[in-house]
C-alpha atoms as a PDB file:
ATOM      1  CA  MET A   1       0.000   0.000   0.000  1.00  0.00           C
ATOM      2  CA  THR A   2       1.264   3.472  -0.829  1.00  0.00           C
ATOM      3  CA  ARG A   3       0.228   4.911   2.539  1.00  0.00           C
ATOM      4  CA  THR A   4      -1.035   3.515   5.813  1.00  0.00           C
ATOM      5  CA  PRO A   5      -4.811   3.803   6.106  1.00  0.00           C
ATOM      6  CA  ARG A   6      -6.427   5.146   9.241  1.00  0.00           C
ATOM      7  CA  MET A   7      -8.383   2.336  10.873  1.00  0.00           C
ATOM      8  CA  LEU A   8     -11.615   2.801  12.804  1.00  0.00           C
ATOM      9  CA  LEU A   9     -12.966   0.152  15.185  1.00  0.00           C
ATOM     10  CA  VAL A  10     -16.762  -0.164  15.185  1.00  0.00           C
ATOM     11  CA  LEU A  11     -17.914  -0.775  18.767  1.00  0.00           C
ATOM     12  CA  SER A  12     -21.662  -1.052  18.110  1.00  0.00           C
ATOM     13  CA  GLU A  13     -23.374  -4.366  17.358  1.00  0.00           C
ATOM     14  CA  ASN A  14     -20.641  -6.571  18.782  1.00  0.00           C
ATOM     15  CA  TRP A  15     -22.901  -8.518  21.108  1.00  0.00           C
ATOM     16  CA  THR A  16     -21.839 -11.915  19.757  1.00  0.00           C
ATOM     17  CA  LEU A  17     -18.592 -11.176  21.626  1.00  0.00           C
ATOM     18  CA  THR A  18     -20.328 -10.409  24.912  1.00  0.00           C
ATOM     19  CA  GLY A  19     -22.952 -13.117  25.195  1.00  0.00           C
ATOM     20  CA  GLY A  20     -25.740 -10.876  23.933  1.00  0.00           C
ATOM     21  CA  ARG A  21     -25.362  -8.354  26.771  1.00  0.00           C
ATOM     22  CA  ALA A  22     -24.501  -4.729  26.424  1.00  0.00           C
ATOM     23  CA  ASP A  23     -21.173  -5.166  28.251  1.00  0.00           C
ATOM     24  CA  LEU A  24     -20.099  -1.543  28.183  1.00  0.00           C
ATOM     25  CA  PRO A  25     -16.938  -1.743  30.334  1.00  0.00           C
ATOM     26  CA  THR A  26     -15.660  -4.326  27.867  1.00  0.00           C
ATOM     27  CA  ALA A  27     -16.320  -1.941  24.973  1.00  0.00           C
ATOM     28  CA  VAL A  28     -14.363   0.755  26.806  1.00  0.00           C
ATOM     29  CA  ARG A  29     -11.470  -1.674  27.220  1.00  0.00           C
ATOM     30  CA  TRP A  30     -11.587  -2.526  23.513  1.00  0.00           C
ATOM     31  CA  ALA A  31     -11.278   1.168  22.672  1.00  0.00           C
ATOM     32  CA  ARG A  32      -8.189   1.497  24.844  1.00  0.00           C
ATOM     33  CA  GLU A  33      -6.683  -1.592  23.225  1.00  0.00           C
ATOM     34  CA  ALA A  34      -7.462  -0.201  19.770  1.00  0.00           C
ATOM     35  CA  GLU A  35      -5.591   3.001  20.591  1.00  0.00           C
ATOM     36  CA  GLU A  36      -2.614   1.027  21.896  1.00  0.00           C
ATOM     37  CA  ALA A  37      -2.564  -1.005  18.669  1.00  0.00           C
ATOM     38  CA  GLY A  38      -2.437   2.112  16.494  1.00  0.00           C
ATOM     39  CA  PHE A  39      -6.078   2.536  15.489  1.00  0.00           C
ATOM     40  CA  ASP A  40      -7.120   6.083  14.663  1.00  0.00           C
ATOM     41  CA  ALA A  41     -10.729   6.055  15.869  1.00  0.00           C
ATOM     42  CA  VAL A  42     -13.653   4.142  17.336  1.00  0.00           C
ATOM     43  CA  MET A  43     -17.291   4.439  16.316  1.00  0.00           C
ATOM     44  CA  VAL A  44     -20.543   4.021  18.225  1.00  0.00           C
ATOM     45  CA  SER A  45     -23.968   4.266  16.576  1.00  0.00           C
ATOM     46  CA  GLU A  46     -27.347   4.689  18.232  1.00  0.00           C
ATOM     47  CA  HIS A  47     -31.027   4.038  18.443  1.00  0.00           C
ATOM     48  CA  ILE A  48     -33.106   5.301  21.353  1.00  0.00           C
ATOM     49  CA  VAL A  49     -35.774   2.614  21.027  1.00  0.00           C
ATOM     50  CA  LEU A  50     -36.669  -0.009  18.429  1.00  0.00           C
ATOM     51  CA  GLY A  51     -40.111  -1.050  17.293  1.00  0.00           C
ATOM     52  CA  PRO A  52     -41.529  -3.882  15.177  1.00  0.00           C
ATOM     53  CA  ASP A  53     -40.297  -2.210  11.980  1.00  0.00           C
ATOM     54  CA  ALA A  54     -36.704  -2.971  13.063  1.00  0.00           C
ATOM     55  CA  GLY A  55     -37.129  -6.541  11.815  1.00  0.00           C
ATOM     56  CA  ALA A  56     -39.922  -6.035   9.282  1.00  0.00           C
ATOM     57  CA  ASP A  57     -37.843  -7.389   6.383  1.00  0.00           C
ATOM     58  CA  GLY A  58     -36.525 -10.407   8.290  1.00  0.00           C
ATOM     59  CA  ILE A  59     -33.713 -10.568  10.833  1.00  0.00           C
ATOM     60  CA  MET A  60     -30.183 -10.874   9.438  1.00  0.00           C
ATOM     61  CA  GLY A  61     -28.898 -14.398   8.991  1.00  0.00           C
ATOM     62  CA  ASN A  62     -25.537 -14.011  10.701  1.00  0.00           C
ATOM     63  CA  PRO A  63     -25.762 -11.945  13.918  1.00  0.00           C
ATOM     64  CA  ARG A  64     -22.239 -10.631  13.278  1.00  0.00           C
ATOM     65  CA  ASP A  65     -23.444  -8.632  10.277  1.00  0.00           C
ATOM     66  CA  TYR A  66     -24.293  -4.930  10.314  1.00  0.00           C
ATOM     67  CA  ALA A  67     -27.829  -3.936  11.221  1.00  0.00           C
ATOM     68  CA  LEU A  68     -29.623  -2.404   8.251  1.00  0.00           C
ATOM     69  CA  PRO A  69     -33.119  -0.926   7.977  1.00  0.00           C
ATOM     70  CA  GLY A  70     -35.638  -3.667   8.681  1.00  0.00           C
ATOM     71  CA  ASN A  71     -33.218  -6.556   9.259  1.00  0.00           C
ATOM     72  CA  GLN A  72     -32.418  -6.438  12.986  1.00  0.00           C
ATOM     73  CA  ASP A  73     -33.821  -8.060  16.089  1.00  0.00           C
ATOM     74  CA  PRO A  74     -35.715  -5.358  18.037  1.00  0.00           C
ATOM     75  CA  TYR A  75     -34.104  -6.742  21.218  1.00  0.00           C
ATOM     76  CA  THR A  76     -30.680  -5.581  19.932  1.00  0.00           C
ATOM     77  CA  PRO A  77     -28.956  -3.496  22.658  1.00  0.00           C
ATOM     78  CA  TRP A  78     -28.346   0.153  21.723  1.00  0.00           C
ATOM     79  CA  PRO A  79     -26.730   1.973  24.678  1.00  0.00           C
ATOM     80  CA  ASN A  80     -26.393   5.743  24.685  1.00  0.00           C
ATOM     81  CA  SER A  81     -23.576   6.448  22.265  1.00  0.00           C
ATOM     82  CA  LEU A  82     -22.444   9.787  23.705  1.00  0.00           C
ATOM     83  CA  LEU A  83     -22.198   8.455  27.265  1.00  0.00           C
ATOM     84  CA  LEU A  84     -20.199   5.467  26.061  1.00  0.00           C
ATOM     85  CA  LEU A  85     -17.870   7.723  24.055  1.00  0.00           C
ATOM     86  CA  ALA A  86     -17.419   9.957  27.112  1.00  0.00           C
ATOM     87  CA  ALA A  87     -16.240   6.925  29.088  1.00  0.00           C
ATOM     88  CA  ILE A  88     -13.864   6.052  26.258  1.00  0.00           C
ATOM     89  CA  ALA A  89     -12.553   9.624  26.147  1.00  0.00           C
ATOM     90  CA  SER A  90     -11.580   9.338  29.814  1.00  0.00           C
ATOM     91  CA  VAL A  91      -9.251   6.363  29.224  1.00  0.00           C
ATOM     92  CA  THR A  92      -7.716   7.367  25.863  1.00  0.00           C
ATOM     93  CA  GLU A  93      -5.535  10.250  24.704  1.00  0.00           C
ATOM     94  CA  ARG A  94      -5.481  10.517  20.907  1.00  0.00           C
ATOM     95  CA  LEU A  95      -8.229   8.174  19.701  1.00  0.00           C
ATOM     96  CA  ARG A  96     -10.891   9.990  17.711  1.00  0.00           C
ATOM     97  CA  LEU A  97     -14.468   9.374  18.840  1.00  0.00           C
ATOM     98  CA  ALA A  98     -17.035   8.913  16.079  1.00  0.00           C
ATOM     99  CA  ALA A  99     -20.660   9.306  17.129  1.00  0.00           C
ATOM    100  CA  ALA A 100     -22.280   7.749  14.093  1.00  0.00           C
ATOM    101  CA  ALA A 101     -25.958   7.840  13.220  1.00  0.00           C
ATOM    102  CA  VAL A 102     -26.760  10.500  15.790  1.00  0.00           C
ATOM    103  CA  LEU A 103     -30.542  10.787  15.470  1.00  0.00           C
ATOM    104  CA  ALA A 104     -30.681  14.524  15.940  1.00  0.00           C
ATOM    105  CA  PRO A 105     -34.400  15.051  15.124  1.00  0.00           C
ATOM    106  CA  LEU A 106     -35.361  13.019  18.199  1.00  0.00           C
ATOM    107  CA  ARG A 107     -33.967  15.733  20.515  1.00  0.00           C
ATOM    108  CA  HIS A 108     -34.096  19.499  20.783  1.00  0.00           C
ATOM    109  CA  PRO A 109     -31.135  21.095  18.952  1.00  0.00           C
ATOM    110  CA  LEU A 110     -29.981  23.095  21.981  1.00  0.00           C
ATOM    111  CA  LEU A 111     -29.905  19.949  24.106  1.00  0.00           C
ATOM    112  CA  MET A 112     -28.093  18.098  21.337  1.00  0.00           C
ATOM    113  CA  ALA A 113     -25.576  20.929  20.969  1.00  0.00           C
ATOM    114  CA  ARG A 114     -24.978  20.888  24.727  1.00  0.00           C
ATOM    115  CA  GLU A 115     -24.305  17.142  24.768  1.00  0.00           C
ATOM    116  CA  LEU A 116     -22.044  17.239  21.713  1.00  0.00           C
ATOM    117  CA  GLY A 117     -20.181  20.328  22.827  1.00  0.00           C
ATOM    118  CA  THR A 118     -19.523  18.910  26.285  1.00  0.00           C
ATOM    119  CA  LEU A 119     -18.170  15.653  24.874  1.00  0.00           C
ATOM    120  CA  ASP A 120     -16.012  17.608  22.439  1.00  0.00           C
ATOM    121  CA  LEU A 121     -14.561  19.574  25.352  1.00  0.00           C
ATOM    122  CA  ILE A 122     -13.982  16.464  27.455  1.00  0.00           C
ATOM    123  CA  SER A 123     -12.096  14.839  24.583  1.00  0.00           C
ATOM    124  CA  GLU A 124     -10.266  18.058  23.606  1.00  0.00           C
ATOM    125  CA  GLY A 125     -11.590  18.128  20.054  1.00  0.00           C
ATOM    126  CA  ARG A 126     -11.550  14.423  19.279  1.00  0.00           C
ATOM    127  CA  LEU A 127     -15.292  14.151  18.608  1.00  0.00           C
ATOM    128  CA  LEU A 128     -16.662  13.291  15.150  1.00  0.00           C
ATOM    129  CA  VAL A 129     -20.420  13.452  14.635  1.00  0.00           C
ATOM    130  CA  GLN A 130     -22.478  11.895  11.871  1.00  0.00           C
ATOM    131  CA  PRO A 131     -25.998  13.325  12.243  1.00  0.00           C
ATOM    132  CA  THR A 132     -28.779  11.579  10.390  1.00  0.00           C
ATOM    133  CA  VAL A 133     -32.539  11.088  10.307  1.00  0.00           C
ATOM    134  CA  SER A 134     -32.767   7.274  10.403  1.00  0.00           C
ATOM    135  CA  TRP A 135     -35.412   5.061   8.846  1.00  0.00           C
ATOM    136  CA  SER A 136     -37.593   3.826  11.723  1.00  0.00           C
ATOM    137  CA  LYS A 137     -41.046   5.395  11.873  1.00  0.00           C
ATOM    138  CA  ASP A 138     -41.747   3.346  15.010  1.00  0.00           C
ATOM    139  CA  GLU A 139     -38.885   5.116  16.776  1.00  0.00           C
ATOM    140  CA  TYR A 140     -40.219   8.553  15.843  1.00  0.00           C
ATOM    141  CA  ASP A 141     -43.762   7.592  16.840  1.00  0.00           C
ATOM    142  CA  ALA A 142     -42.598   6.375  20.260  1.00  0.00           C
ATOM    143  CA  LEU A 143     -40.907   9.711  20.947  1.00  0.00           C
ATOM    144  CA  GLY A 144     -43.740  11.804  19.545  1.00  0.00           C
ATOM    145  CA  MET A 145     -41.737  13.287  16.679  1.00  0.00           C
ATOM    146  CA  PRO A 146     -43.026  13.783  13.103  1.00  0.00           C
ATOM    147  CA  PHE A 147     -41.347  11.168  10.921  1.00  0.00           C
ATOM    148  CA  GLY A 148     -42.341  12.965   7.718  1.00  0.00           C
ATOM    149  CA  ARG A 149     -40.509  16.145   8.765  1.00  0.00           C
ATOM    150  CA  ARG A 150     -37.297  14.529   9.929  1.00  0.00           C
ATOM    151  CA  GLY A 151     -35.183  16.020   7.137  1.00  0.00           C
ATOM    152  CA  ARG A 152     -36.277  19.551   7.928  1.00  0.00           C
ATOM    153  CA  LEU A 153     -35.740  18.923  11.642  1.00  0.00           C
ATOM    154  CA  LEU A 154     -32.163  17.825  10.947  1.00  0.00           C
ATOM    155  CA  ASP A 155     -31.551  20.953   8.870  1.00  0.00           C
ATOM    156  CA  GLU A 156     -32.705  23.109  11.769  1.00  0.00           C
ATOM    157  CA  HIS A 157     -30.382  21.210  14.095  1.00  0.00           C
ATOM    158  CA  LEU A 158     -27.433  21.973  11.875  1.00  0.00           C
ATOM    159  CA  GLU A 159     -28.383  25.653  11.710  1.00  0.00           C
ATOM    160  CA  ASP A 160     -28.747  25.842  15.478  1.00  0.00           C
ATOM    161  CA  TRP A 161     -25.517  23.978  16.194  1.00  0.00           C
ATOM    162  CA  ALA A 162     -23.613  26.441  14.019  1.00  0.00           C
ATOM    163  CA  LYS A 163     -25.196  29.300  15.986  1.00  0.00           C
ATOM    164  CA  ALA A 164     -24.445  27.605  19.311  1.00  0.00           C
ATOM    165  CA  TRP A 165     -20.728  27.368  18.517  1.00  0.00           C
ATOM    166  CA  GLY A 166     -20.703  31.110  17.714  1.00  0.00           C
ATOM    167  CA  PRO A 167     -21.171  34.201  19.883  1.00  0.00           C
ATOM    168  CA  SER A 168     -23.968  34.376  22.451  1.00  0.00           C
ATOM    169  CA  PRO A 169     -26.784  35.311  22.636  1.00  0.00           C
ATOM    170  CA  ILE A 170     -28.395  33.321  19.820  1.00  0.00           C
ATOM    171  CA  SER A 171     -31.929  33.198  18.402  1.00  0.00           C
ATOM    172  CA  HIS A 172     -33.788  30.994  15.957  1.00  0.00           C
ATOM    173  CA  GLU A 173     -37.135  31.567  14.287  1.00  0.00           C
ATOM    174  CA  SER A 174     -38.843  28.395  13.099  1.00  0.00           C
ATOM    175  CA  GLU A 175     -41.963  26.276  13.361  1.00  0.00           C
ATOM    176  CA  HIS A 176     -40.238  23.512  15.275  1.00  0.00           C
ATOM    177  CA  TYR A 177     -37.521  25.022  17.496  1.00  0.00           C
ATOM    178  CA  PRO A 178     -38.055  28.755  18.056  1.00  0.00           C
ATOM    179  CA  PHE A 179     -35.984  30.490  20.729  1.00  0.00           C
ATOM    180  CA  ARG A 180     -34.673  33.982  21.322  1.00  0.00           C
ATOM    181  CA  ASP A 181     -31.699  35.524  23.091  1.00  0.00           C
ATOM    182  CA  VAL A 182     -30.283  32.442  24.758  1.00  0.00           C
ATOM    183  CA  TYR A 183     -26.721  32.203  25.994  1.00  0.00           C
ATOM    184  CA  PHE A 184     -24.883  29.023  25.170  1.00  0.00           C
ATOM    185  CA  GLU A 185     -21.724  28.503  27.228  1.00  0.00           C
ATOM    186  CA  PRO A 186     -19.284  26.852  27.115  1.00  0.00           C
ATOM    187  CA  LYS A 187     -18.757  26.336  23.410  1.00  0.00           C
ATOM    188  CA  ALA A 188     -17.304  23.266  21.739  1.00  0.00           C
ATOM    189  CA  TYR A 189     -13.551  22.726  21.585  1.00  0.00           C
ATOM    190  CA  ARG A 190     -13.143  24.202  18.093  1.00  0.00           C
ATOM    191  CA  PRO A 191     -14.757  27.526  17.130  1.00  0.00           C
ATOM    192  CA  GLU A 192     -16.695  25.732  14.382  1.00  0.00           C
ATOM    193  CA  GLY A 193     -17.738  22.849  16.622  1.00  0.00           C
ATOM    194  CA  PRO A 194     -17.103  19.112  16.277  1.00  0.00           C
ATOM    195  CA  ARG A 195     -16.181  17.694  12.886  1.00  0.00           C
ATOM    196  CA  LEU A 196     -19.341  16.563  11.075  1.00  0.00           C
ATOM    197  CA  TRP A 197     -19.596  13.560   8.752  1.00  0.00           C
ATOM    198  CA  PHE A 198     -22.489  12.866   6.407  1.00  0.00           C
ATOM    199  CA  GLY A 199     -23.462   9.761   4.514  1.00  0.00           C
ATOM    200  CA  GLY A 200     -26.127   7.212   3.856  1.00  0.00           C
ATOM    201  CA  GLN A 201     -27.348   4.739   1.304  1.00  0.00           C
ATOM    202  CA  ARG A 202     -26.992   7.257  -1.512  1.00  0.00           C
ATOM    203  CA  LEU A 203     -25.605  10.742  -1.977  1.00  0.00           C
ATOM    204  CA  HIS A 204     -28.863  12.485  -2.856  1.00  0.00           C
ATOM    205  CA  GLY A 205     -29.620  16.211  -2.733  1.00  0.00           C
ATOM    206  CA  PRO A 206     -30.084  16.868   1.015  1.00  0.00           C
ATOM    207  CA  VAL A 207     -27.078  14.769   2.055  1.00  0.00           C
ATOM    208  CA  LEU A 208     -24.852  16.452  -0.518  1.00  0.00           C
ATOM    209  CA  ARG A 209     -26.122  19.905   0.482  1.00  0.00           C
ATOM    210  CA  ARG A 210     -25.400  19.263   4.171  1.00  0.00           C
ATOM    211  CA  LEU A 211     -21.973  17.861   3.376  1.00  0.00           C
ATOM    212  CA  VAL A 212     -21.019  20.912   1.330  1.00  0.00           C
ATOM    213  CA  GLN A 213     -22.335  23.403   3.883  1.00  0.00           C
ATOM    214  CA  TYR A 214     -21.258  21.788   7.151  1.00  0.00           C
ATOM    215  CA  GLY A 215     -19.311  18.605   6.549  1.00  0.00           C
ATOM    216  CA  HIS A 216     -15.741  17.427   6.926  1.00  0.00           C
ATOM    217  CA  GLY A 217     -16.336  13.749   6.144  1.00  0.00           C
ATOM    218  CA  PHE A 218     -18.232  11.585   3.642  1.00  0.00           C
ATOM    219  CA  HIS A 219     -19.234   8.179   5.009  1.00  0.00           C
ATOM    220  CA  PRO A 220     -21.343   6.274   2.460  1.00  0.00           C
ATOM    221  CA  LEU A 221     -23.241   3.100   3.244  1.00  0.00           C
ATOM    222  CA  GLY A 222     -21.640   0.449   1.045  1.00  0.00           C
ATOM    223  CA  ARG A 223     -19.353   1.078  -1.908  1.00  0.00           C
ATOM    224  CA  PRO A 224     -20.413   4.119  -3.958  1.00  0.00           C
ATOM    225  CA  ALA A 225     -20.115   4.158  -7.738  1.00  0.00           C
ATOM    226  CA  PRO A 226     -17.396   6.388  -9.268  1.00  0.00           C
ATOM    227  CA  PRO A 227     -19.909   9.129 -10.248  1.00  0.00           C
ATOM    228  CA  ASP A 228     -21.050   9.328  -6.625  1.00  0.00           C
ATOM    229  CA  LEU A 229     -17.442   9.757  -5.525  1.00  0.00           C
ATOM    230  CA  GLN A 230     -17.030  12.700  -7.880  1.00  0.00           C
ATOM    231  CA  LEU A 231     -20.191  14.468  -6.705  1.00  0.00           C
ATOM    232  CA  PRO A 232     -18.857  15.765  -3.368  1.00  0.00           C
ATOM    233  CA  LYS A 233     -15.605  16.895  -4.988  1.00  0.00           C
ATOM    234  CA  ASP A 234     -17.413  18.896  -7.656  1.00  0.00           C
ATOM    235  CA  ALA A 235     -19.910  20.346  -5.183  1.00  0.00           C
ATOM    236  CA  MET A 236     -17.194  21.425  -2.751  1.00  0.00           C
ATOM    237  CA  ALA A 237     -15.179  23.041  -5.540  1.00  0.00           C
ATOM    238  CA  ALA A 238     -18.278  24.908  -6.746  1.00  0.00           C
ATOM    239  CA  VAL A 239     -18.553  26.786  -3.439  1.00  0.00           C
ATOM    240  CA  GLY A 240     -14.836  27.357  -3.050  1.00  0.00           C
ATOM    241  CA  ARG A 241     -14.177  24.701  -0.449  1.00  0.00           C
ATOM    242  CA  ASP A 242     -11.013  22.637  -0.643  1.00  0.00           C
ATOM    243  CA  VAL A 243     -11.893  19.046  -1.542  1.00  0.00           C
ATOM    244  CA  ASP A 244      -9.075  17.919   0.753  1.00  0.00           C
ATOM    245  CA  GLU A 245     -11.197  19.148   3.679  1.00  0.00           C
ATOM    246  CA  VAL A 246     -13.476  16.145   3.200  1.00  0.00           C
ATOM    247  CA  GLU A 247     -12.325  12.923   4.852  1.00  0.00           C
ATOM    248  CA  MET A 248     -13.427   9.874   2.855  1.00  0.00           C
ATOM    249  CA  ILE A 249     -14.526   6.984   5.059  1.00  0.00           C
ATOM    250  CA  GLY A 250     -14.498   3.518   3.554  1.00  0.00           C
ATOM    251  CA  GLY A 251     -14.989   0.095   5.007  1.00  0.00           C
ATOM    252  CA  THR A 252     -14.305  -3.605   4.966  1.00  0.00           C
ATOM    253  CA  GLN A 253     -16.836  -6.092   3.646  1.00  0.00           C
ATOM    254  CA  ALA A 254     -17.118  -9.320   5.595  1.00  0.00           C
ATOM    255  CA  VAL A 255     -18.226 -12.377   3.655  1.00  0.00           C
ATOM    256  CA  PHE A 256     -19.579 -15.032   5.998  1.00  0.00           C
ATOM    257  CA  PRO A 257     -19.303 -18.703   5.004  1.00  0.00           C
ATOM    258  CA  ASP A 258     -22.567 -19.449   6.831  1.00  0.00           C
ATOM    259  CA  ASP A 259     -24.872 -17.993   9.491  1.00  0.00           C
ATOM    260  CA  HIS A 260     -22.733 -19.240  12.379  1.00  0.00           C
ATOM    261  CA  SER A 261     -19.107 -18.454  11.511  1.00  0.00           C
ATOM    262  CA  PRO A 262     -16.925 -15.344  11.351  1.00  0.00           C
ATOM    263  CA  ALA A 263     -15.513 -13.991   8.106  1.00  0.00           C
ATOM    264  CA  ASP A 264     -11.944 -14.110   6.785  1.00  0.00           C
ATOM    265  CA  LEU A 265      -9.998 -10.987   7.776  1.00  0.00           C
ATOM    266  CA  GLY A 266      -7.555 -11.075   4.866  1.00  0.00           C
ATOM    267  CA  ALA A 267     -10.337 -11.151   2.304  1.00  0.00           C
ATOM    268  CA  ALA A 268     -12.086  -8.226   3.989  1.00  0.00           C
ATOM    269  CA  LEU A 269      -8.932  -6.089   3.995  1.00  0.00           C
ATOM    270  CA  ALA A 270      -8.129  -6.867   0.355  1.00  0.00           C
ATOM    271  CA  SER A 271     -10.242  -3.990  -0.955  1.00  0.00           C
ATOM    272  CA  ILE A 272      -8.400  -1.299   1.001  1.00  0.00           C
ATOM    273  CA  PRO A 273      -5.642  -0.620  -1.605  1.00  0.00           C
ATOM    274  CA  GLU A 274      -8.272   0.039  -4.280  1.00  0.00           C
ATOM    275  CA  GLN A 275     -10.229   2.303  -1.939  1.00  0.00           C
ATOM    276  CA  LEU A 276      -7.065   4.220  -1.099  1.00  0.00           C
ATOM    277  CA  GLU A 277      -6.567   4.859  -4.802  1.00  0.00           C
ATOM    278  CA  GLN A 278     -10.125   6.211  -4.964  1.00  0.00           C
ATOM    279  CA  GLY A 279      -9.346   8.729  -2.225  1.00  0.00           C
ATOM    280  CA  PHE A 280     -10.627   6.953   0.888  1.00  0.00           C
ATOM    281  CA  THR A 281      -8.375   7.392   3.906  1.00  0.00           C
ATOM    282  CA  THR A 282     -10.254   5.956   6.911  1.00  0.00           C
ATOM    283  CA  PHE A 283     -11.654   2.429   7.099  1.00  0.00           C
ATOM    284  CA  CYS A 284     -14.242   0.931   9.431  1.00  0.00           C
ATOM    285  CA  ILE A 285     -13.944  -2.606  10.743  1.00  0.00           C
ATOM    286  CA  LYS A 286     -16.133  -4.465  13.246  1.00  0.00           C
ATOM    287  CA  PRO A 287     -14.252  -7.042  15.350  1.00  0.00           C
ATOM    288  CA  ASN A 288     -17.037  -9.562  15.927  1.00  0.00           C
ATOM    289  CA  GLN A 289     -17.253 -10.145  12.196  1.00  0.00           C
ATOM    290  CA  PHE A 290     -13.849 -11.839  12.374  1.00  0.00           C
ATOM    291  CA  ILE A 291     -13.303 -13.169  15.908  1.00  0.00           C
ATOM    292  CA  ASP A 292     -15.366 -14.758  18.680  1.00  0.00           C
ATOM    293  CA  ASP A 293     -13.090 -14.112  21.671  1.00  0.00           C
ATOM    294  CA  PRO A 294     -13.918 -10.947  23.664  1.00  0.00           C
ATOM    295  CA  ASP A 295     -10.398 -11.043  25.108  1.00  0.00           C
ATOM    296  CA  GLY A 296      -8.882 -11.157  21.632  1.00  0.00           C
ATOM    297  CA  VAL A 297      -9.830  -7.681  20.403  1.00  0.00           C
ATOM    298  CA  GLY A 298      -6.444  -6.183  21.261  1.00  0.00           C
ATOM    299  CA  ALA A 299      -4.642  -8.905  19.326  1.00  0.00           C
ATOM    300  CA  PHE A 300      -7.156  -8.481  16.493  1.00  0.00           C
ATOM    301  CA  CYS A 301      -6.395  -4.747  16.297  1.00  0.00           C
ATOM    302  CA  ARG A 302      -2.663  -5.394  16.227  1.00  0.00           C
ATOM    303  CA  ASP A 303      -3.179  -7.973  13.472  1.00  0.00           C
ATOM    304  CA  VAL A 304      -5.184  -5.478  11.424  1.00  0.00           C
ATOM    305  CA  MET A 305      -2.509  -2.787  11.739  1.00  0.00           C
ATOM    306  CA  ARG A 306       0.221  -5.268  10.826  1.00  0.00           C
ATOM    307  CA  ARG A 307      -1.660  -6.271   7.678  1.00  0.00           C
ATOM    308  CA  VAL A 308      -2.448  -2.754   6.459  1.00  0.00           C
ATOM    309  CA  SER A 309       0.866  -1.081   7.319  1.00  0.00           C
END
């Protein structure tokens, strides 16, 4: 490989390594071991609740696989991602903390900005945030939020976060989150707030617009086609932003031999050189897709770094 990729350890959905329990102290230990092995970041995703639509399309065959819309057991544990990342921040020094799939429309933007800003301060600027709207109408219904307006709610969050990181007092006129002359202190670690990533199943208009206006990372779901890779570059250039400001987040694809066995690590890492050539720099990998020993994550991380270096 021409350069060493930055590796990101996915800490969500690893319950085959912990007997089905949300063993959070173990996840914190894995993060520390990942940092010691040379990993660049860890990632935690979230749901607040799940409903019947979580498994409406049939539960995934191999429980090691990633949860996708409609394929997961509604009993899947989803602990609070920001609290878990705060615990990880307290035992690490340089590891970046990716809060993926932050379901912003399910909270008030000032509350969300407070939580994100505090974690960014605790970690001294190591926080990465991927805000999204999600796919579960059941989740929105349970929390009393309008599923059909989730895109507009997310846009208002992004507007309000940008105001919150700036000078106080701040005001916002809107149908959903109006407020006037509020003082928001302390700010996030950086003047512009935490680094924001955007992504999803496809790079359609709203995602591209948010990436260009607010984003520093593009994290697609799956492998995008070459035209989709060019879209963010062209859009950034059109508004005078440096395309090098956008971190490209790729991944590793695990191929399971059956519904009971882990995948082959070497085969999953084989696509990284091609992705590097396409401009990707950071690569996600989920340990339970390749090992079954909860005490083997440190060795797994060292093995990954040895193979990609």
